[in-house]
């Protein structure tokens, strides 16, 4: 659980860094992150089943690490971690790595002040 949480948190910190890299000041970054990261919770299946959502929203939710983290978290908490699902684990690691790499590339391109 700790390892999965570290992977998930690194992916979402990277998403925050990506959002911040497109803003020119802290106020813009805070507002934009509120409008980007908060709706993620609504479309990932945390409150409502993601499979029952319209297909564009369901497709968008598949690009978010939290969707796969929630599946793995439920597996660990309800089943005691027996038989971790390899597909959600691969998606969680892959998407988190993708967002971390995107954040690194984006920050290397920023002009120094």
PDB file of N, CA and C in Angstrom:
ATOM      1  N   UNK A   1       0.833  -1.198   0.000  1.00  0.00           N
ATOM      2  CA  UNK A   1       0.000   0.000   0.000  1.00  0.00           C
ATOM      3  C   UNK A   1       0.871   1.253   0.000  1.00  0.00           C
ATOM      4  N   UNK A   2       1.951   1.226   0.763  1.00  0.00           N
ATOM      5  CA  UNK A   2       2.841   2.386   0.824  1.00  0.00           C
ATOM      6  C   UNK A   2       3.523   2.616  -0.524  1.00  0.00           C
ATOM      7  N   UNK A   3       3.951   1.549  -1.158  1.00  0.00           N
ATOM      8  CA  UNK A   3       4.595   1.678  -2.464  1.00  0.00           C
ATOM      9  C   UNK A   3       3.646   2.192  -3.534  1.00  0.00           C
ATOM     10  N   UNK A   4       2.420   1.657  -3.545  1.00  0.00           N
ATOM     11  CA  UNK A   4       1.425   2.136  -4.503  1.00  0.00           C
ATOM     12  C   UNK A   4       1.076   3.595  -4.245  1.00  0.00           C
ATOM     13  N   UNK A   5       0.988   3.967  -2.986  1.00  0.00           N
ATOM     14  CA  UNK A   5       0.676   5.358  -2.647  1.00  0.00           C
ATOM     15  C   UNK A   5       1.786   6.295  -3.093  1.00  0.00           C
ATOM     16  N   UNK A   6       3.030   5.850  -2.963  1.00  0.00           N
ATOM     17  CA  UNK A   6       4.155   6.683  -3.414  1.00  0.00           C
ATOM     18  C   UNK A   6       4.112   6.881  -4.929  1.00  0.00           C
ATOM     19  N   UNK A   7       3.776   5.838  -5.656  1.00  0.00           N
ATOM     20  CA  UNK A   7       3.667   5.949  -7.116  1.00  0.00           C
ATOM     21  C   UNK A   7       2.537   6.893  -7.487  1.00  0.00           C
ATOM     22  N   UNK A   8       1.391   6.733  -6.834  1.00  0.00           N
ATOM     23  CA  UNK A   8       0.229   7.594  -7.100  1.00  0.00           C
ATOM     24  C   UNK A   8       0.530   9.055  -6.768  1.00  0.00           C
ATOM     25  N   UNK A   9       1.131   9.292  -5.619  1.00  0.00           N
ATOM     26  CA  UNK A   9       1.428  10.668  -5.208  1.00  0.00           C
ATOM     27  C   UNK A   9       2.434  11.310  -6.147  1.00  0.00           C
ATOM     28  N   UNK A  10       3.426  10.556  -6.596  1.00  0.00           N
ATOM     29  CA  UNK A  10       4.398  11.129  -7.525  1.00  0.00           C
ATOM     30  C   UNK A  10       3.727  11.532  -8.837  1.00  0.00           C
ATOM     31  N   UNK A  11       2.765  10.745  -9.286  1.00  0.00           N
ATOM     32  CA  UNK A  11       2.037  11.095 -10.504  1.00  0.00           C
ATOM     33  C   UNK A  11       1.217  12.362 -10.340  1.00  0.00           C
ATOM     34  N   UNK A  12       0.561  12.517  -9.191  1.00  0.00           N
ATOM     35  CA  UNK A  12      -0.269  13.707  -8.993  1.00  0.00           C
ATOM     36  C   UNK A  12       0.555  14.941  -8.654  1.00  0.00           C
ATOM     37  N   UNK A  13       1.686  14.778  -8.007  1.00  0.00           N
ATOM     38  CA  UNK A  13       2.589  15.919  -7.818  1.00  0.00           C
ATOM     39  C   UNK A  13       3.108  16.379  -9.174  1.00  0.00           C
ATOM     40  N   UNK A  14       3.410  15.434 -10.042  1.00  0.00           N
ATOM     41  CA  UNK A  14       3.859  15.791 -11.393  1.00  0.00           C
ATOM     42  C   UNK A  14       2.757  16.526 -12.155  1.00  0.00           C
ATOM     43  N   UNK A  15       1.498  16.094 -11.972  1.00  0.00           N
ATOM     44  CA  UNK A  15       0.395  16.816 -12.624  1.00  0.00           C
ATOM     45  C   UNK A  15       0.319  18.247 -12.111  1.00  0.00           C
ATOM     46  N   UNK A  16       0.520  18.442 -10.820  1.00  0.00           N
ATOM     47  CA  UNK A  16       0.534  19.786 -10.262  1.00  0.00           C
ATOM     48  C   UNK A  16       1.678  20.623 -10.814  1.00  0.00           C
ATOM     49  N   UNK A  17       2.829  20.004 -10.994  1.00  0.00           N
ATOM     50  CA  UNK A  17       3.969  20.725 -11.573  1.00  0.00           C
ATOM     51  C   UNK A  17       3.712  21.095 -13.033  1.00  0.00           C
ATOM     52  N   UNK A  18       3.047  20.215 -13.756  1.00  0.00           N
ATOM     53  CA  UNK A  18       2.715  20.516 -15.151  1.00  0.00           C
ATOM     54  C   UNK A  18       1.767  21.697 -15.216  1.00  0.00           C
ATOM     55  N   UNK A  19       0.740  21.680 -14.370  1.00  0.00           N
ATOM     56  CA  UNK A  19      -0.208  22.799 -14.326  1.00  0.00           C
ATOM     57  C   UNK A  19       0.521  24.088 -13.967  1.00  0.00           C
ATOM     58  N   UNK A  20       1.380  24.036 -12.970  1.00  0.00           N
ATOM     59  CA  UNK A  20       2.104  25.232 -12.535  1.00  0.00           C
ATOM     60  C   UNK A  20       3.060  25.748 -13.602  1.00  0.00           C
ATOM     61  N   UNK A  21       3.590  24.853 -14.413  1.00  0.00           N
ATOM     62  CA  UNK A  21       4.550  25.294 -15.430  1.00  0.00           C
ATOM     63  C   UNK A  21       3.892  26.096 -16.543  1.00  0.00           C
ATOM     64  N   UNK A  22       2.594  25.975 -16.707  1.00  0.00           N
ATOM     65  CA  UNK A  22       1.887  26.736 -17.720  1.00  0.00           C
ATOM     66  C   UNK A  22       1.376  28.081 -17.197  1.00  0.00           C
ATOM     67  N   UNK A  23       1.597  28.376 -15.940  1.00  0.00           N
ATOM     68  CA  UNK A  23       1.089  29.610 -15.326  1.00  0.00           C
ATOM     69  C   UNK A  23       2.233  30.580 -15.094  1.00  0.00           C
ATOM     70  N   UNK A  24       1.864  31.870 -15.017  1.00  0.00           N
ATOM     71  CA  UNK A  24       2.895  32.881 -14.823  1.00  0.00           C
ATOM     72  C   UNK A  24       3.034  33.322 -13.365  1.00  0.00           C
ATOM     73  N   UNK A  25       2.059  33.010 -12.512  1.00  0.00           N
ATOM     74  CA  UNK A  25       2.192  33.346 -11.095  1.00  0.00           C
ATOM     75  C   UNK A  25       1.469  32.317 -10.236  1.00  0.00           C
ATOM     76  N   UNK A  26       1.630  32.462  -8.927  1.00  0.00           N
ATOM     77  CA  UNK A  26       1.090  31.475  -8.001  1.00  0.00           C
ATOM     78  C   UNK A  26      -0.438  31.464  -7.994  1.00  0.00           C
ATOM     79  N   UNK A  27      -1.049  32.608  -8.122  1.00  0.00           N
ATOM     80  CA  UNK A  27      -2.505  32.684  -8.106  1.00  0.00           C
ATOM     81  C   UNK A  27      -3.114  31.934  -9.298  1.00  0.00           C
ATOM     82  N   UNK A  28      -2.540  32.108 -10.457  1.00  0.00           N
ATOM     83  CA  UNK A  28      -3.015  31.372 -11.629  1.00  0.00           C
ATOM     84  C   UNK A  28      -2.847  29.871 -11.430  1.00  0.00           C
ATOM     85  N   UNK A  29      -1.727  29.468 -10.872  1.00  0.00           N
ATOM     86  CA  UNK A  29      -1.469  28.044 -10.662  1.00  0.00           C
ATOM     87  C   UNK A  29      -2.476  27.439  -9.687  1.00  0.00           C
ATOM     88  N   UNK A  30      -2.795  28.161  -8.617  1.00  0.00           N
ATOM     89  CA  UNK A  30      -3.751  27.642  -7.645  1.00  0.00           C
ATOM     90  C   UNK A  30      -5.141  27.509  -8.249  1.00  0.00           C
ATOM     91  N   UNK A  31      -5.576  28.522  -8.992  1.00  0.00           N
ATOM     92  CA  UNK A  31      -6.899  28.456  -9.609  1.00  0.00           C
ATOM     93  C   UNK A  31      -6.977  27.367 -10.671  1.00  0.00           C
ATOM     94  N   UNK A  32      -5.958  27.300 -11.505  1.00  0.00           N
ATOM     95  CA  UNK A  32      -5.965  26.289 -12.564  1.00  0.00           C
ATOM     96  C   UNK A  32      -5.895  24.881 -11.981  1.00  0.00           C
ATOM     97  N   UNK A  33      -5.099  24.685 -10.933  1.00  0.00           N
ATOM     98  CA  UNK A  33      -5.016  23.355 -10.338  1.00  0.00           C
ATOM     99  C   UNK A  33      -6.344  22.959  -9.705  1.00  0.00           C
ATOM    100  N   UNK A  34      -7.070  23.938  -9.151  1.00  0.00           N
ATOM    101  CA  UNK A  34      -8.389  23.631  -8.601  1.00  0.00           C
ATOM    102  C   UNK A  34      -9.331  23.158  -9.694  1.00  0.00           C
ATOM    103  N   UNK A  35      -9.274  23.795 -10.857  1.00  0.00           N
ATOM    104  CA  UNK A  35     -10.169  23.437 -11.952  1.00  0.00           C
ATOM    105  C   UNK A  35      -9.692  22.223 -12.748  1.00  0.00           C
ATOM    106  N   UNK A  36      -8.477  21.788 -12.523  1.00  0.00           N
ATOM    107  CA  UNK A  36      -7.972  20.606 -13.218  1.00  0.00           C
ATOM    108  C   UNK A  36      -8.022  19.374 -12.315  1.00  0.00           C
ATOM    109  N   UNK A  37      -7.503  19.487 -11.115  1.00  0.00           N
ATOM    110  CA  UNK A  37      -7.341  18.312 -10.266  1.00  0.00           C
ATOM    111  C   UNK A  37      -8.629  17.942  -9.527  1.00  0.00           C
ATOM    112  N   UNK A  38      -9.412  18.901  -9.072  1.00  0.00           N
ATOM    113  CA  UNK A  38     -10.643  18.573  -8.355  1.00  0.00           C
ATOM    114  C   UNK A  38     -11.647  17.801  -9.218  1.00  0.00           C
ATOM    115  N   UNK A  39     -11.899  18.199 -10.463  1.00  0.00           N
ATOM    116  CA  UNK A  39     -12.827  17.393 -11.279  1.00  0.00           C
ATOM    117  C   UNK A  39     -12.335  15.972 -11.553  1.00  0.00           C
ATOM    118  N   UNK A  40     -11.028  15.746 -11.403  1.00  0.00           N
ATOM    119  CA  UNK A  40     -10.509  14.386 -11.579  1.00  0.00           C
ATOM    120  C   UNK A  40     -11.183  13.407 -10.630  1.00  0.00           C
ATOM    121  N   UNK A  41     -11.460  13.844  -9.416  1.00  0.00           N
ATOM    122  CA  UNK A  41     -12.111  12.967  -8.449  1.00  0.00           C
ATOM    123  C   UNK A  41     -13.514  12.584  -8.899  1.00  0.00           C
ATOM    124  N   UNK A  42     -14.178  13.489  -9.578  1.00  0.00           N
ATOM    125  CA  UNK A  42     -15.558  13.229  -9.986  1.00  0.00           C
ATOM    126  C   UNK A  42     -15.658  12.228 -11.139  1.00  0.00           C
ATOM    127  N   UNK A  43     -14.651  12.169 -11.985  1.00  0.00           N
ATOM    128  CA  UNK A  43     -14.761  11.320 -13.176  1.00  0.00           C
ATOM    129  C   UNK A  43     -13.989  10.011 -13.068  1.00  0.00           C
ATOM    130  N   UNK A  44     -13.373   9.730 -11.931  1.00  0.00           N
ATOM    131  CA  UNK A  44     -12.528   8.543 -11.852  1.00  0.00           C
ATOM    132  C   UNK A  44     -13.191   7.341 -11.215  1.00  0.00           C
ATOM    133  N   UNK A  45     -14.410   7.482 -10.765  1.00  0.00           N
ATOM    134  CA  UNK A  45     -15.080   6.360 -10.141  1.00  0.00           C
ATOM    135  C   UNK A  45     -15.005   6.375  -8.636  1.00  0.00           C
ATOM    136  N   UNK A  46     -14.532   7.448  -8.066  1.00  0.00           N
ATOM    137  CA  UNK A  46     -14.460   7.561  -6.615  1.00  0.00           C
ATOM    138  C   UNK A  46     -15.853   7.732  -6.020  1.00  0.00           C
ATOM    139  N   UNK A  47     -16.673   8.558  -6.641  1.00  0.00           N
ATOM    140  CA  UNK A  47     -18.024   8.821  -6.139  1.00  0.00           C
ATOM    141  C   UNK A  47     -19.093   8.139  -6.985  1.00  0.00           C
ATOM    142  N   UNK A  48     -18.883   8.084  -8.283  1.00  0.00           N
ATOM    143  CA  UNK A  48     -19.833   7.489  -9.216  1.00  0.00           C
ATOM    144  C   UNK A  48     -19.093   6.459 -10.055  1.00  0.00           C
ATOM    145  N   UNK A  49     -19.749   5.374 -10.454  1.00  0.00           N
ATOM    146  CA  UNK A  49     -19.065   4.371 -11.290  1.00  0.00           C
ATOM    147  C   UNK A  49     -18.606   4.969 -12.623  1.00  0.00           C
ATOM    148  N   UNK A  50     -17.339   4.832 -12.915  1.00  0.00           N
ATOM    149  CA  UNK A  50     -16.781   5.410 -14.138  1.00  0.00           C
ATOM    150  C   UNK A  50     -17.309   4.715 -15.383  1.00  0.00           C
ATOM    151  N   UNK A  51     -17.671   3.461 -15.261  1.00  0.00           N
ATOM    152  CA  UNK A  51     -18.161   2.719 -16.430  1.00  0.00           C
ATOM    153  C   UNK A  51     -19.553   3.167 -16.857  1.00  0.00           C
ATOM    154  N   UNK A  52     -20.285   3.845 -15.990  1.00  0.00           N
ATOM    155  CA  UNK A  52     -21.630   4.317 -16.322  1.00  0.00           C
ATOM    156  C   UNK A  52     -21.648   5.740 -16.865  1.00  0.00           C
ATOM    157  N   UNK A  53     -20.500   6.344 -17.007  1.00  0.00           N
ATOM    158  CA  UNK A  53     -20.413   7.716 -17.509  1.00  0.00           C
ATOM    159  C   UNK A  53     -20.409   7.709 -19.035  1.00  0.00           C
ATOM    160  N   UNK A  54     -20.723   8.843 -19.664  1.00  0.00           N
ATOM    161  CA  UNK A  54     -20.640   8.919 -21.132  1.00  0.00           C
ATOM    162  C   UNK A  54     -19.224   8.583 -21.602  1.00  0.00           C
ATOM    163  N   UNK A  55     -19.129   8.027 -22.795  1.00  0.00           N
ATOM    164  CA  UNK A  55     -17.838   7.503 -23.252  1.00  0.00           C
ATOM    165  C   UNK A  55     -16.725   8.531 -23.317  1.00  0.00           C
ATOM    166  N   UNK A  56     -16.954   9.831 -23.661  1.00  0.00           N
ATOM    167  CA  UNK A  56     -15.810  10.749 -23.646  1.00  0.00           C
ATOM    168  C   UNK A  56     -15.250  10.970 -22.238  1.00  0.00           C
ATOM    169  N   UNK A  57     -16.132  11.009 -21.254  1.00  0.00           N
ATOM    170  CA  UNK A  57     -15.671  11.217 -19.875  1.00  0.00           C
ATOM    171  C   UNK A  57     -15.000   9.953 -19.354  1.00  0.00           C
ATOM    172  N   UNK A  58     -15.552   8.807 -19.702  1.00  0.00           N
ATOM    173  CA  UNK A  58     -14.920   7.553 -19.295  1.00  0.00           C
ATOM    174  C   UNK A  58     -13.531   7.426 -19.923  1.00  0.00           C
ATOM    175  N   UNK A  59     -13.402   7.788 -21.180  1.00  0.00           N
ATOM    176  CA  UNK A  59     -12.106   7.738 -21.862  1.00  0.00           C
ATOM    177  C   UNK A  59     -11.117   8.679 -21.195  1.00  0.00           C
ATOM    178  N   UNK A  60     -11.590   9.895 -20.837  1.00  0.00           N
ATOM    179  CA  UNK A  60     -10.724  10.857 -20.156  1.00  0.00           C
ATOM    180  C   UNK A  60     -10.277  10.330 -18.795  1.00  0.00           C
ATOM    181  N   UNK A  61     -11.167   9.645 -18.092  1.00  0.00           N
ATOM    182  CA  UNK A  61     -10.805   9.114 -16.775  1.00  0.00           C
ATOM    183  C   UNK A  61      -9.738   8.027 -16.871  1.00  0.00           C
ATOM    184  N   UNK A  62      -9.638   7.388 -18.021  1.00  0.00           N
ATOM    185  CA  UNK A  62      -8.612   6.357 -18.188  1.00  0.00           C
ATOM    186  C   UNK A  62      -7.207   6.946 -18.298  1.00  0.00           C
ATOM    187  N   UNK A  63      -7.104   8.256 -18.440  1.00  0.00           N
ATOM    188  CA  UNK A  63      -5.801   8.919 -18.519  1.00  0.00           C
ATOM    189  C   UNK A  63      -5.337   9.445 -17.167  1.00  0.00           C
ATOM    190  N   UNK A  64      -6.052   9.101 -16.105  1.00  0.00           N
ATOM    191  CA  UNK A  64      -5.742   9.608 -14.771  1.00  0.00           C
ATOM    192  C   UNK A  64      -5.279   8.470 -13.858  1.00  0.00           C
ATOM    193  N   UNK A  65      -4.159   8.654 -13.168  1.00  0.00           N
ATOM    194  CA  UNK A  65      -3.647   7.590 -12.298  1.00  0.00           C
ATOM    195  C   UNK A  65      -4.589   7.238 -11.143  1.00  0.00           C
ATOM    196  N   UNK A  66      -5.410   8.184 -10.698  1.00  0.00           N
ATOM    197  CA  UNK A  66      -6.268   7.916  -9.547  1.00  0.00           C
ATOM    198  C   UNK A  66      -7.284   6.818  -9.840  1.00  0.00           C
ATOM    199  N   UNK A  67      -7.698   6.676 -11.071  1.00  0.00           N
ATOM    200  CA  UNK A  67      -8.665   5.620 -11.415  1.00  0.00           C
ATOM    201  C   UNK A  67      -8.089   4.240 -11.091  1.00  0.00           C
ATOM    202  N   UNK A  68      -6.852   4.021 -11.438  1.00  0.00           N
ATOM    203  CA  UNK A  68      -6.224   2.726 -11.216  1.00  0.00           C
ATOM    204  C   UNK A  68      -5.774   2.564  -9.766  1.00  0.00           C
ATOM    205  N   UNK A  69      -5.404   3.670  -9.139  1.00  0.00           N
ATOM    206  CA  UNK A  69      -5.050   3.622  -7.722  1.00  0.00           C
ATOM    207  C   UNK A  69      -6.252   3.202  -6.892  1.00  0.00           C
ATOM    208  N   UNK A  70      -7.435   3.702  -7.213  1.00  0.00           N
ATOM    209  CA  UNK A  70      -8.634   3.337  -6.471  1.00  0.00           C
ATOM    210  C   UNK A  70      -8.955   1.853  -6.616  1.00  0.00           C
ATOM    211  N   UNK A  71      -8.760   1.302  -7.803  1.00  0.00           N
ATOM    212  CA  UNK A  71      -8.989  -0.138  -8.001  1.00  0.00           C
ATOM    213  C   UNK A  71      -8.032  -0.947  -7.132  1.00  0.00           C
ATOM    214  N   UNK A  72      -6.759  -0.561  -7.142  1.00  0.00           N
ATOM    215  CA  UNK A  72      -5.763  -1.279  -6.345  1.00  0.00           C
ATOM    216  C   UNK A  72      -5.993  -1.075  -4.856  1.00  0.00           C
ATOM    217  N   UNK A  73      -6.391   0.113  -4.462  1.00  0.00           N
ATOM    218  CA  UNK A  73      -6.661   0.399  -3.061  1.00  0.00           C
ATOM    219  C   UNK A  73      -7.828  -0.435  -2.549  1.00  0.00           C
ATOM    220  N   UNK A  74      -8.884  -0.532  -3.340  1.00  0.00           N
ATOM    221  CA  UNK A  74     -10.021  -1.371  -2.945  1.00  0.00           C
ATOM    222  C   UNK A  74      -9.612  -2.839  -2.852  1.00  0.00           C
ATOM    223  N   UNK A  75      -8.759  -3.278  -3.765  1.00  0.00           N
ATOM    224  CA  UNK A  75      -8.288  -4.662  -3.726  1.00  0.00           C
ATOM    225  C   UNK A  75      -7.503  -4.927  -2.444  1.00  0.00           C
ATOM    226  N   UNK A  76      -6.638  -3.999  -2.062  1.00  0.00           N
ATOM    227  CA  UNK A  76      -5.825  -4.188  -0.864  1.00  0.00           C
ATOM    228  C   UNK A  76      -6.687  -4.125   0.396  1.00  0.00           C
ATOM    229  N   UNK A  77      -7.557  -3.139   0.469  1.00  0.00           N
ATOM    230  CA  UNK A  77      -8.339  -2.958   1.686  1.00  0.00           C
ATOM    231  C   UNK A  77      -9.442  -3.995   1.855  1.00  0.00           C
ATOM    232  N   UNK A  78     -10.062  -4.418   0.775  1.00  0.00           N
ATOM    233  CA  UNK A  78     -11.169  -5.362   0.884  1.00  0.00           C
ATOM    234  C   UNK A  78     -10.738  -6.822   0.804  1.00  0.00           C
ATOM    235  N   UNK A  79      -9.699  -7.098   0.020  1.00  0.00           N
ATOM    236  CA  UNK A  79      -9.260  -8.480  -0.157  1.00  0.00           C
ATOM    237  C   UNK A  79      -7.944  -8.773   0.551  1.00  0.00           C
ATOM    238  N   UNK A  80      -7.395  -7.785   1.227  1.00  0.00           N
ATOM    239  CA  UNK A  80      -6.141  -8.002   1.931  1.00  0.00           C
ATOM    240  C   UNK A  80      -4.935  -8.052   1.024  1.00  0.00           C
ATOM    241  N   UNK A  81      -5.059  -7.532  -0.180  1.00  0.00           N
ATOM    242  CA  UNK A  81      -3.931  -7.475  -1.091  1.00  0.00           C
ATOM    243  C   UNK A  81      -3.672  -8.762  -1.843  1.00  0.00           C
ATOM    244  N   UNK A  82      -4.506  -9.762  -1.620  1.00  0.00           N
ATOM    245  CA  UNK A  82      -4.268 -11.021  -2.319  1.00  0.00           C
ATOM    246  C   UNK A  82      -4.651 -10.879  -3.786  1.00  0.00           C
ATOM    247  N   UNK A  83      -3.751 -11.180  -4.630  1.00  0.00           N
ATOM    248  CA  UNK A  83      -4.008 -11.132  -6.065  1.00  0.00           C
ATOM    249  C   UNK A  83      -4.114  -9.728  -6.609  1.00  0.00           C
ATOM    250  N   UNK A  84      -3.056  -8.922  -6.442  1.00  0.00           N
ATOM    251  CA  UNK A  84      -3.065  -7.581  -7.031  1.00  0.00           C
ATOM    252  C   UNK A  84      -3.227  -7.694  -8.539  1.00  0.00           C
ATOM    253  N   UNK A  85      -4.035  -6.846  -9.082  1.00  0.00           N
ATOM    254  CA  UNK A  85      -4.342  -6.899 -10.502  1.00  0.00           C
ATOM    255  C   UNK A  85      -3.199  -6.279 -11.305  1.00  0.00           C
ATOM    256  N   UNK A  86      -2.598  -7.023 -12.222  1.00  0.00           N
ATOM    257  CA  UNK A  86      -1.438  -6.498 -12.948  1.00  0.00           C
ATOM    258  C   UNK A  86      -1.792  -5.381 -13.919  1.00  0.00           C
ATOM    259  N   UNK A  87      -2.990  -5.401 -14.507  1.00  0.00           N
ATOM    260  CA  UNK A  87      -3.346  -4.357 -15.474  1.00  0.00           C
ATOM    261  C   UNK A  87      -3.476  -2.975 -14.829  1.00  0.00           C
ATOM    262  N   UNK A  88      -4.258  -2.811 -13.730  1.00  0.00           N
ATOM    263  CA  UNK A  88      -4.297  -1.484 -13.101  1.00  0.00           C
ATOM    264  C   UNK A  88      -2.939  -1.049 -12.555  1.00  0.00           C
ATOM    265  N   UNK A  89      -2.148  -2.003 -12.082  1.00  0.00           N
ATOM    266  CA  UNK A  89      -0.818  -1.671 -11.580  1.00  0.00           C
ATOM    267  C   UNK A  89       0.067  -1.142 -12.704  1.00  0.00           C
ATOM    268  N   UNK A  90       0.017  -1.766 -13.858  1.00  0.00           N
ATOM    269  CA  UNK A  90       0.804  -1.307 -15.002  1.00  0.00           C
ATOM    270  C   UNK A  90       0.347   0.076 -15.464  1.00  0.00           C
ATOM    271  N   UNK A  91      -0.974   0.297 -15.496  1.00  0.00           N
ATOM    272  CA  UNK A  91      -1.485   1.615 -15.890  1.00  0.00           C
ATOM    273  C   UNK A  91      -1.083   2.682 -14.882  1.00  0.00           C
ATOM    274  N   UNK A  92      -1.157   2.377 -13.588  1.00  0.00           N
ATOM    275  CA  UNK A  92      -0.776   3.351 -12.559  1.00  0.00           C
ATOM    276  C   UNK A  92       0.692   3.738 -12.691  1.00  0.00           C
ATOM    277  N   UNK A  93       1.540   2.755 -12.825  1.00  0.00           N
ATOM    278  CA  UNK A  93       2.977   3.028 -12.958  1.00  0.00           C
ATOM    279  C   UNK A  93       3.260   3.764 -14.264  1.00  0.00           C
ATOM    280  N   UNK A  94       2.655   3.316 -15.344  1.00  0.00           N
ATOM    281  CA  UNK A  94       2.900   3.948 -16.643  1.00  0.00           C
ATOM    282  C   UNK A  94       2.435   5.390 -16.707  1.00  0.00           C
ATOM    283  N   UNK A  95       1.230   5.653 -16.227  1.00  0.00           N
ATOM    284  CA  UNK A  95       0.722   7.028 -16.268  1.00  0.00           C
ATOM    285  C   UNK A  95       1.491   7.942 -15.325  1.00  0.00           C
ATOM    286  N   UNK A  96       1.834   7.447 -14.138  1.00  0.00           N
ATOM    287  CA  UNK A  96       2.617   8.262 -13.216  1.00  0.00           C
ATOM    288  C   UNK A  96       3.988   8.579 -13.811  1.00  0.00           C
ATOM    289  N   UNK A  97       4.606   7.603 -14.419  1.00  0.00           N
ATOM    290  CA  UNK A  97       5.902   7.828 -15.065  1.00  0.00           C
ATOM    291  C   UNK A  97       5.767   8.815 -16.223  1.00  0.00           C
ATOM    292  N   UNK A  98       4.704   8.710 -16.994  1.00  0.00           N
ATOM    293  CA  UNK A  98       4.461   9.630 -18.098  1.00  0.00           C
ATOM    294  C   UNK A  98       4.325  11.070 -17.598  1.00  0.00           C
ATOM    295  N   UNK A  99       3.547  11.268 -16.528  1.00  0.00           N
ATOM    296  CA  UNK A  99       3.378  12.614 -15.995  1.00  0.00           C
ATOM    297  C   UNK A  99       4.667  13.153 -15.377  1.00  0.00           C
ATOM    298  N   UNK A 100       5.436  12.308 -14.733  1.00  0.00           N
ATOM    299  CA  UNK A 100       6.720  12.757 -14.180  1.00  0.00           C
ATOM    300  C   UNK A 100       7.664  13.163 -15.310  1.00  0.00           C
ATOM    301  N   UNK A 101       7.730  12.369 -16.371  1.00  0.00           N
ATOM    302  CA  UNK A 101       8.595  12.724 -17.503  1.00  0.00           C
ATOM    303  C   UNK A 101       8.125  14.004 -18.185  1.00  0.00           C
ATOM    304  N   UNK A 102       6.813  14.169 -18.321  1.00  0.00           N
ATOM    305  CA  UNK A 102       6.257  15.391 -18.913  1.00  0.00           C
ATOM    306  C   UNK A 102       6.633  16.599 -18.063  1.00  0.00           C
ATOM    307  N   UNK A 103       6.547  16.473 -16.738  1.00  0.00           N
ATOM    308  CA  UNK A 103       6.905  17.583 -15.848  1.00  0.00           C
ATOM    309  C   UNK A 103       8.388  17.916 -15.961  1.00  0.00           C
ATOM    310  N   UNK A 104       9.233  16.905 -16.044  1.00  0.00           N
ATOM    311  CA  UNK A 104      10.681  17.144 -16.169  1.00  0.00           C
ATOM    312  C   UNK A 104      10.983  17.852 -17.489  1.00  0.00           C
ATOM    313  N   UNK A 105      10.398  17.379 -18.579  1.00  0.00           N
ATOM    314  CA  UNK A 105      10.629  18.010 -19.883  1.00  0.00           C
ATOM    315  C   UNK A 105      10.105  19.432 -19.888  1.00  0.00           C
ATOM    316  N   UNK A 106       8.934  19.638 -19.307  1.00  0.00           N
ATOM    317  CA  UNK A 106       8.332  20.979 -19.280  1.00  0.00           C
ATOM    318  C   UNK A 106       9.181  21.946 -18.467  1.00  0.00           C
ATOM    319  N   UNK A 107       9.719  21.513 -17.343  1.00  0.00           N
ATOM    320  CA  UNK A 107      10.525  22.402 -16.509  1.00  0.00           C
ATOM    321  C   UNK A 107      11.903  22.663 -17.121  1.00  0.00           C
ATOM    322  N   UNK A 108      12.409  21.767 -17.913  1.00  0.00           N
ATOM    323  CA  UNK A 108      13.697  22.023 -18.566  1.00  0.00           C
ATOM    324  C   UNK A 108      13.558  23.079 -19.674  1.00  0.00           C
ATOM    325  N   UNK A 109      12.350  23.215 -20.233  1.00  0.00           N
ATOM    326  CA  UNK A 109      12.124  24.180 -21.300  1.00  0.00           C
ATOM    327  C   UNK A 109      11.799  25.573 -20.780  1.00  0.00           C
ATOM    328  N   UNK A 110      11.481  25.703 -19.494  1.00  0.00           N
ATOM    329  CA  UNK A 110      11.127  27.018 -18.953  1.00  0.00           C
ATOM    330  C   UNK A 110      12.336  27.940 -18.973  1.00  0.00           C
ATOM    331  N   UNK A 111      12.115  29.191 -19.322  1.00  0.00           N
ATOM    332  CA  UNK A 111      13.231  30.141 -19.301  1.00  0.00           C
ATOM    333  C   UNK A 111      13.616  30.463 -17.862  1.00  0.00           C
ATOM    334  N   UNK A 112      14.894  30.587 -17.620  1.00  0.00           N
ATOM    335  CA  UNK A 112      15.339  30.925 -16.267  1.00  0.00           C
ATOM    336  C   UNK A 112      15.138  32.422 -16.037  1.00  0.00           C
ATOM    337  N   UNK A 113      14.778  32.739 -14.801  1.00  0.00           N
ATOM    338  CA  UNK A 113      14.529  34.157 -14.505  1.00  0.00           C
ATOM    339  C   UNK A 113      15.581  34.737 -13.596  1.00  0.00           C
TER     340      UNK A 113
END
